[in-house]
C-alpha cells in the first residue's frame, strides 16, 4: 500500500518536496544511509533529487513511507495535507478506507 501511495503522489513529490530538509531526518531515523544521502543530494537539480529520492524510497520497507509522513509533519506539513486531501478526493467510493490506510502508514 505504501509503495502505491508513493507512486500515486510522485509528481507532487518531485515538484514540491524539499529533499534537503526531509532526507537528513530519514537518515537519522535509519531509513537511508550516508552513501544514499550523498548520492541523492549530489545533484544540483531539485527535481532530479526528488525523483531519485522517490525511486530509492520505493525500495525501502513500508515503514519508510510512514517515516516520510512524519518527516513531512516537521518540514512540509502542507505537502502531507495535500497527500491526504488528494487521496480522499480521488476515489469517492473507497475514500474512507483509503484515508484510514494512509493515516495508519503515517502514524
N, C-alpha and C. Protein backbone atom coordinates (compact mmCIF):
# COMPACT_ATOMS: atom_id res chain seq x y z
N UNK A 1 0.82 -1.20 0.00
CA UNK A 1 0.00 0.00 0.00
C UNK A 1 0.86 1.26 0.00
N UNK A 2 1.93 1.27 0.79
CA UNK A 2 2.78 2.45 0.88
C UNK A 2 3.42 2.77 -0.47
N UNK A 3 3.89 1.74 -1.18
CA UNK A 3 4.51 1.95 -2.49
C UNK A 3 3.50 2.55 -3.46
N UNK A 4 2.27 2.07 -3.40
CA UNK A 4 1.22 2.57 -4.28
C UNK A 4 0.96 4.06 -4.00
N UNK A 5 0.93 4.42 -2.73
CA UNK A 5 0.72 5.82 -2.38
C UNK A 5 1.88 6.69 -2.85
N UNK A 6 3.07 6.17 -2.70
CA UNK A 6 4.26 6.91 -3.12
C UNK A 6 4.22 7.19 -4.61
N UNK A 7 3.91 6.18 -5.42
CA UNK A 7 3.86 6.37 -6.87
C UNK A 7 2.70 7.25 -7.27
N UNK A 8 1.60 7.16 -6.53
CA UNK A 8 0.44 8.00 -6.83
C UNK A 8 0.78 9.48 -6.68
N UNK A 9 1.61 9.80 -5.70
CA UNK A 9 1.95 11.19 -5.41
C UNK A 9 3.32 11.60 -5.94
N UNK A 10 3.89 10.78 -6.79
CA UNK A 10 5.25 11.05 -7.27
C UNK A 10 5.37 12.42 -7.94
N UNK A 11 4.44 12.78 -8.78
CA UNK A 11 4.53 14.07 -9.48
C UNK A 11 4.55 15.24 -8.50
N UNK A 12 3.71 15.18 -7.48
CA UNK A 12 3.67 16.24 -6.47
C UNK A 12 4.99 16.25 -5.69
N UNK A 13 5.48 15.07 -5.34
CA UNK A 13 6.73 14.97 -4.59
C UNK A 13 7.88 15.57 -5.40
N UNK A 14 7.98 15.17 -6.65
CA UNK A 14 9.08 15.64 -7.50
C UNK A 14 9.03 17.16 -7.66
N UNK A 15 7.84 17.71 -7.76
CA UNK A 15 7.71 19.15 -7.98
C UNK A 15 7.80 19.99 -6.71
N UNK A 16 7.46 19.41 -5.56
CA UNK A 16 7.32 20.25 -4.37
C UNK A 16 8.16 19.85 -3.16
N UNK A 17 8.65 18.63 -3.13
CA UNK A 17 9.38 18.18 -1.95
C UNK A 17 10.75 18.82 -1.86
N UNK A 18 11.09 19.33 -0.69
CA UNK A 18 12.44 19.84 -0.44
C UNK A 18 13.23 18.69 0.18
N UNK A 19 13.89 17.93 -0.65
CA UNK A 19 14.62 16.74 -0.22
C UNK A 19 15.72 17.11 0.77
N UNK A 20 16.29 18.30 0.64
CA UNK A 20 17.37 18.70 1.54
C UNK A 20 16.90 18.85 2.98
N UNK A 21 15.61 19.03 3.19
CA UNK A 21 15.05 19.14 4.54
C UNK A 21 14.59 17.79 5.07
N UNK A 22 14.06 16.95 4.20
CA UNK A 22 13.46 15.68 4.63
C UNK A 22 14.49 14.56 4.76
N UNK A 23 15.39 14.48 3.81
CA UNK A 23 16.33 13.36 3.77
C UNK A 23 17.22 13.25 5.02
N UNK A 24 17.77 14.34 5.55
CA UNK A 24 18.57 14.19 6.77
C UNK A 24 17.79 13.58 7.95
N UNK A 25 16.53 13.88 8.03
CA UNK A 25 15.68 13.29 9.08
C UNK A 25 15.58 11.79 8.88
N UNK A 26 15.38 11.38 7.64
CA UNK A 26 15.24 9.95 7.34
C UNK A 26 16.57 9.21 7.51
N UNK A 27 17.67 9.90 7.31
CA UNK A 27 18.98 9.30 7.57
C UNK A 27 19.14 9.07 9.07
N UNK A 28 18.79 10.07 9.88
CA UNK A 28 18.89 9.92 11.34
C UNK A 28 17.99 8.80 11.85
N UNK A 29 16.88 8.56 11.16
CA UNK A 29 15.95 7.52 11.58
C UNK A 29 16.28 6.15 10.98
N UNK A 30 17.37 6.08 10.22
CA UNK A 30 17.83 4.81 9.69
C UNK A 30 17.14 4.33 8.42
N UNK A 31 16.40 5.18 7.77
CA UNK A 31 15.72 4.79 6.54
C UNK A 31 16.65 4.88 5.33
N UNK A 32 17.63 5.76 5.39
CA UNK A 32 18.65 5.91 4.36
C UNK A 32 20.00 5.92 5.06
N UNK A 33 21.04 5.56 4.31
CA UNK A 33 22.39 5.66 4.88
C UNK A 33 23.10 6.88 4.29
N UNK A 34 24.28 7.15 4.80
CA UNK A 34 25.04 8.33 4.35
C UNK A 34 25.41 8.30 2.89
N UNK A 35 25.71 7.12 2.36
CA UNK A 35 26.06 7.00 0.94
C UNK A 35 24.86 7.38 0.08
N UNK A 36 23.67 6.86 0.44
CA UNK A 36 22.45 7.20 -0.32
C UNK A 36 22.17 8.70 -0.22
N UNK A 37 22.36 9.25 0.96
CA UNK A 37 22.10 10.68 1.15
C UNK A 37 23.01 11.52 0.24
N UNK A 38 24.30 11.21 0.24
CA UNK A 38 25.24 11.96 -0.62
C UNK A 38 24.89 11.80 -2.10
N UNK A 39 24.53 10.59 -2.50
CA UNK A 39 24.17 10.35 -3.90
C UNK A 39 22.95 11.19 -4.31
N UNK A 40 21.94 11.20 -3.46
CA UNK A 40 20.71 11.94 -3.78
C UNK A 40 20.97 13.44 -3.77
N UNK A 41 21.71 13.92 -2.79
CA UNK A 41 21.93 15.36 -2.65
C UNK A 41 23.01 15.91 -3.57
N UNK A 42 23.72 15.04 -4.26
CA UNK A 42 24.81 15.50 -5.12
C UNK A 42 24.34 16.24 -6.37
N UNK A 43 23.12 16.04 -6.77
CA UNK A 43 22.62 16.73 -7.96
C UNK A 43 22.23 18.17 -7.63
N UNK A 44 22.59 19.10 -8.49
CA UNK A 44 22.18 20.49 -8.26
C UNK A 44 20.71 20.73 -8.62
N UNK A 45 20.09 19.78 -9.30
CA UNK A 45 18.70 19.93 -9.74
C UNK A 45 17.73 19.36 -8.71
N UNK A 46 16.89 20.20 -8.15
CA UNK A 46 15.97 19.79 -7.09
C UNK A 46 14.99 18.71 -7.56
N UNK A 47 14.50 18.82 -8.77
CA UNK A 47 13.55 17.83 -9.28
C UNK A 47 14.23 16.47 -9.47
N UNK A 48 15.46 16.47 -9.95
CA UNK A 48 16.19 15.21 -10.10
C UNK A 48 16.42 14.57 -8.74
N UNK A 49 16.79 15.39 -7.74
CA UNK A 49 16.98 14.87 -6.38
C UNK A 49 15.71 14.23 -5.86
N UNK A 50 14.59 14.91 -6.06
CA UNK A 50 13.31 14.39 -5.57
C UNK A 50 12.92 13.10 -6.31
N UNK A 51 13.17 13.06 -7.60
CA UNK A 51 12.86 11.86 -8.38
C UNK A 51 13.70 10.67 -7.90
N UNK A 52 14.98 10.90 -7.71
CA UNK A 52 15.86 9.85 -7.21
C UNK A 52 15.46 9.43 -5.79
N UNK A 53 15.07 10.40 -4.97
CA UNK A 53 14.60 10.12 -3.62
C UNK A 53 13.40 9.17 -3.65
N UNK A 54 12.42 9.46 -4.49
CA UNK A 54 11.23 8.60 -4.60
C UNK A 54 11.63 7.20 -5.06
N UNK A 55 12.49 7.13 -6.05
CA UNK A 55 12.94 5.82 -6.53
C UNK A 55 13.58 5.01 -5.41
N UNK A 56 14.44 5.66 -4.63
CA UNK A 56 15.13 4.95 -3.53
C UNK A 56 14.14 4.60 -2.40
N UNK A 57 13.26 5.53 -2.09
CA UNK A 57 12.29 5.29 -1.02
C UNK A 57 11.37 4.12 -1.35
N UNK A 58 11.05 3.97 -2.62
CA UNK A 58 10.14 2.90 -3.03
C UNK A 58 10.74 1.51 -2.82
N UNK A 59 12.05 1.42 -2.65
CA UNK A 59 12.69 0.13 -2.43
C UNK A 59 12.82 -0.20 -0.94
N UNK A 60 12.42 0.73 -0.10
CA UNK A 60 12.55 0.56 1.35
C UNK A 60 11.34 -0.17 1.92
N UNK A 61 11.41 -0.45 3.20
CA UNK A 61 10.31 -1.12 3.90
C UNK A 61 9.07 -0.22 3.91
N UNK A 62 7.89 -0.81 4.13
CA UNK A 62 6.67 0.01 4.22
C UNK A 62 6.77 1.08 5.31
N UNK A 63 7.56 0.84 6.34
CA UNK A 63 7.72 1.82 7.41
C UNK A 63 8.38 3.10 6.89
N UNK A 64 9.13 3.01 5.82
CA UNK A 64 9.81 4.19 5.28
C UNK A 64 8.81 5.25 4.85
N UNK A 65 7.68 4.84 4.28
CA UNK A 65 6.66 5.82 3.88
C UNK A 65 6.09 6.50 5.12
N UNK A 66 5.86 5.73 6.16
CA UNK A 66 5.39 6.32 7.41
C UNK A 66 6.39 7.31 7.98
N UNK A 67 7.67 6.97 7.88
CA UNK A 67 8.71 7.89 8.34
C UNK A 67 8.75 9.15 7.48
N UNK A 68 8.49 9.00 6.18
CA UNK A 68 8.40 10.18 5.31
C UNK A 68 7.26 11.07 5.78
N UNK A 69 6.12 10.50 6.08
CA UNK A 69 4.98 11.29 6.57
C UNK A 69 5.34 12.04 7.84
N UNK A 70 6.02 11.36 8.75
CA UNK A 70 6.43 12.01 10.00
C UNK A 70 7.42 13.15 9.73
N UNK A 71 8.33 12.94 8.80
CA UNK A 71 9.29 13.99 8.45
C UNK A 71 8.57 15.17 7.79
N UNK A 72 7.57 14.87 6.99
CA UNK A 72 6.80 15.95 6.35
C UNK A 72 6.01 16.75 7.39
N UNK A 73 5.55 16.09 8.44
CA UNK A 73 4.87 16.82 9.52
C UNK A 73 5.77 17.92 10.08
N UNK A 74 7.05 17.63 10.15
CA UNK A 74 8.02 18.58 10.71
C UNK A 74 8.48 19.63 9.71
N UNK A 75 8.62 19.23 8.45
CA UNK A 75 9.27 20.11 7.47
C UNK A 75 8.32 20.74 6.46
N UNK A 76 7.34 19.98 5.99
CA UNK A 76 6.42 20.48 4.97
C UNK A 76 5.01 19.94 5.22
N UNK A 77 4.37 20.38 6.32
CA UNK A 77 3.05 19.84 6.65
C UNK A 77 2.00 20.10 5.57
N UNK A 78 2.17 21.17 4.81
CA UNK A 78 1.23 21.45 3.73
C UNK A 78 1.26 20.35 2.66
N UNK A 79 2.43 19.78 2.42
CA UNK A 79 2.55 18.71 1.44
C UNK A 79 1.88 17.43 1.95
N UNK A 80 2.04 17.14 3.21
CA UNK A 80 1.36 15.97 3.81
C UNK A 80 -0.14 16.15 3.73
N UNK A 81 -0.64 17.34 3.98
CA UNK A 81 -2.07 17.63 3.89
C UNK A 81 -2.57 17.41 2.47
N UNK A 82 -1.79 17.83 1.49
CA UNK A 82 -2.18 17.61 0.09
C UNK A 82 -2.29 16.14 -0.23
N UNK A 83 -1.36 15.32 0.28
CA UNK A 83 -1.45 13.87 0.06
C UNK A 83 -2.78 13.35 0.60
N UNK A 84 -3.11 13.75 1.80
CA UNK A 84 -4.34 13.29 2.43
C UNK A 84 -5.57 13.75 1.65
N UNK A 85 -5.57 15.01 1.24
CA UNK A 85 -6.72 15.54 0.50
C UNK A 85 -6.87 14.87 -0.87
N UNK A 86 -5.78 14.72 -1.59
CA UNK A 86 -5.85 14.09 -2.91
C UNK A 86 -6.26 12.64 -2.80
N UNK A 87 -5.81 11.97 -1.77
CA UNK A 87 -6.14 10.56 -1.60
C UNK A 87 -7.62 10.37 -1.31
N UNK A 88 -8.21 11.28 -0.56
CA UNK A 88 -9.61 11.11 -0.22
C UNK A 88 -10.52 11.60 -1.35
N UNK A 89 -10.07 12.57 -2.12
CA UNK A 89 -10.92 13.11 -3.19
C UNK A 89 -10.87 12.28 -4.46
N UNK A 90 -9.83 11.49 -4.64
CA UNK A 90 -9.65 10.80 -5.92
C UNK A 90 -10.52 9.56 -6.06
N UNK A 91 -10.97 9.00 -4.98
CA UNK A 91 -11.75 7.77 -5.04
C UNK A 91 -12.93 7.87 -4.08
N UNK A 92 -14.00 8.47 -4.53
CA UNK A 92 -15.16 8.74 -3.68
C UNK A 92 -15.70 7.48 -3.01
N UNK A 93 -15.77 6.36 -3.72
CA UNK A 93 -16.38 5.15 -3.16
C UNK A 93 -15.56 4.53 -2.04
N UNK A 94 -14.26 4.60 -2.14
CA UNK A 94 -13.43 3.95 -1.13
C UNK A 94 -12.62 4.94 -0.32
N UNK A 95 -13.05 6.18 -0.27
CA UNK A 95 -12.21 7.20 0.34
C UNK A 95 -11.98 7.00 1.83
N UNK A 96 -12.98 6.54 2.56
CA UNK A 96 -12.78 6.36 3.99
C UNK A 96 -11.75 5.26 4.26
N UNK A 97 -11.89 4.14 3.56
CA UNK A 97 -10.92 3.05 3.73
C UNK A 97 -9.52 3.51 3.34
N UNK A 98 -9.42 4.21 2.22
CA UNK A 98 -8.12 4.67 1.74
C UNK A 98 -7.50 5.66 2.71
N UNK A 99 -8.31 6.57 3.24
CA UNK A 99 -7.82 7.55 4.20
C UNK A 99 -7.30 6.84 5.45
N UNK A 100 -8.03 5.83 5.92
CA UNK A 100 -7.59 5.10 7.10
C UNK A 100 -6.27 4.39 6.84
N UNK A 101 -6.10 3.82 5.64
CA UNK A 101 -4.83 3.16 5.29
C UNK A 101 -3.69 4.18 5.27
N UNK A 102 -3.94 5.33 4.66
CA UNK A 102 -2.91 6.35 4.58
C UNK A 102 -2.52 6.83 5.98
N UNK A 103 -3.51 7.08 6.81
CA UNK A 103 -3.22 7.54 8.16
C UNK A 103 -2.47 6.48 8.96
N UNK A 104 -2.82 5.22 8.77
CA UNK A 104 -2.12 4.17 9.51
C UNK A 104 -0.66 4.07 9.07
N UNK A 105 -0.37 4.34 7.80
CA UNK A 105 1.01 4.35 7.32
C UNK A 105 1.79 5.54 7.87
N UNK A 106 1.09 6.62 8.17
CA UNK A 106 1.76 7.83 8.64
C UNK A 106 1.88 7.88 10.16
N UNK A 107 1.25 7.00 10.86
CA UNK A 107 1.31 7.02 12.33
C UNK A 107 2.46 6.20 12.86
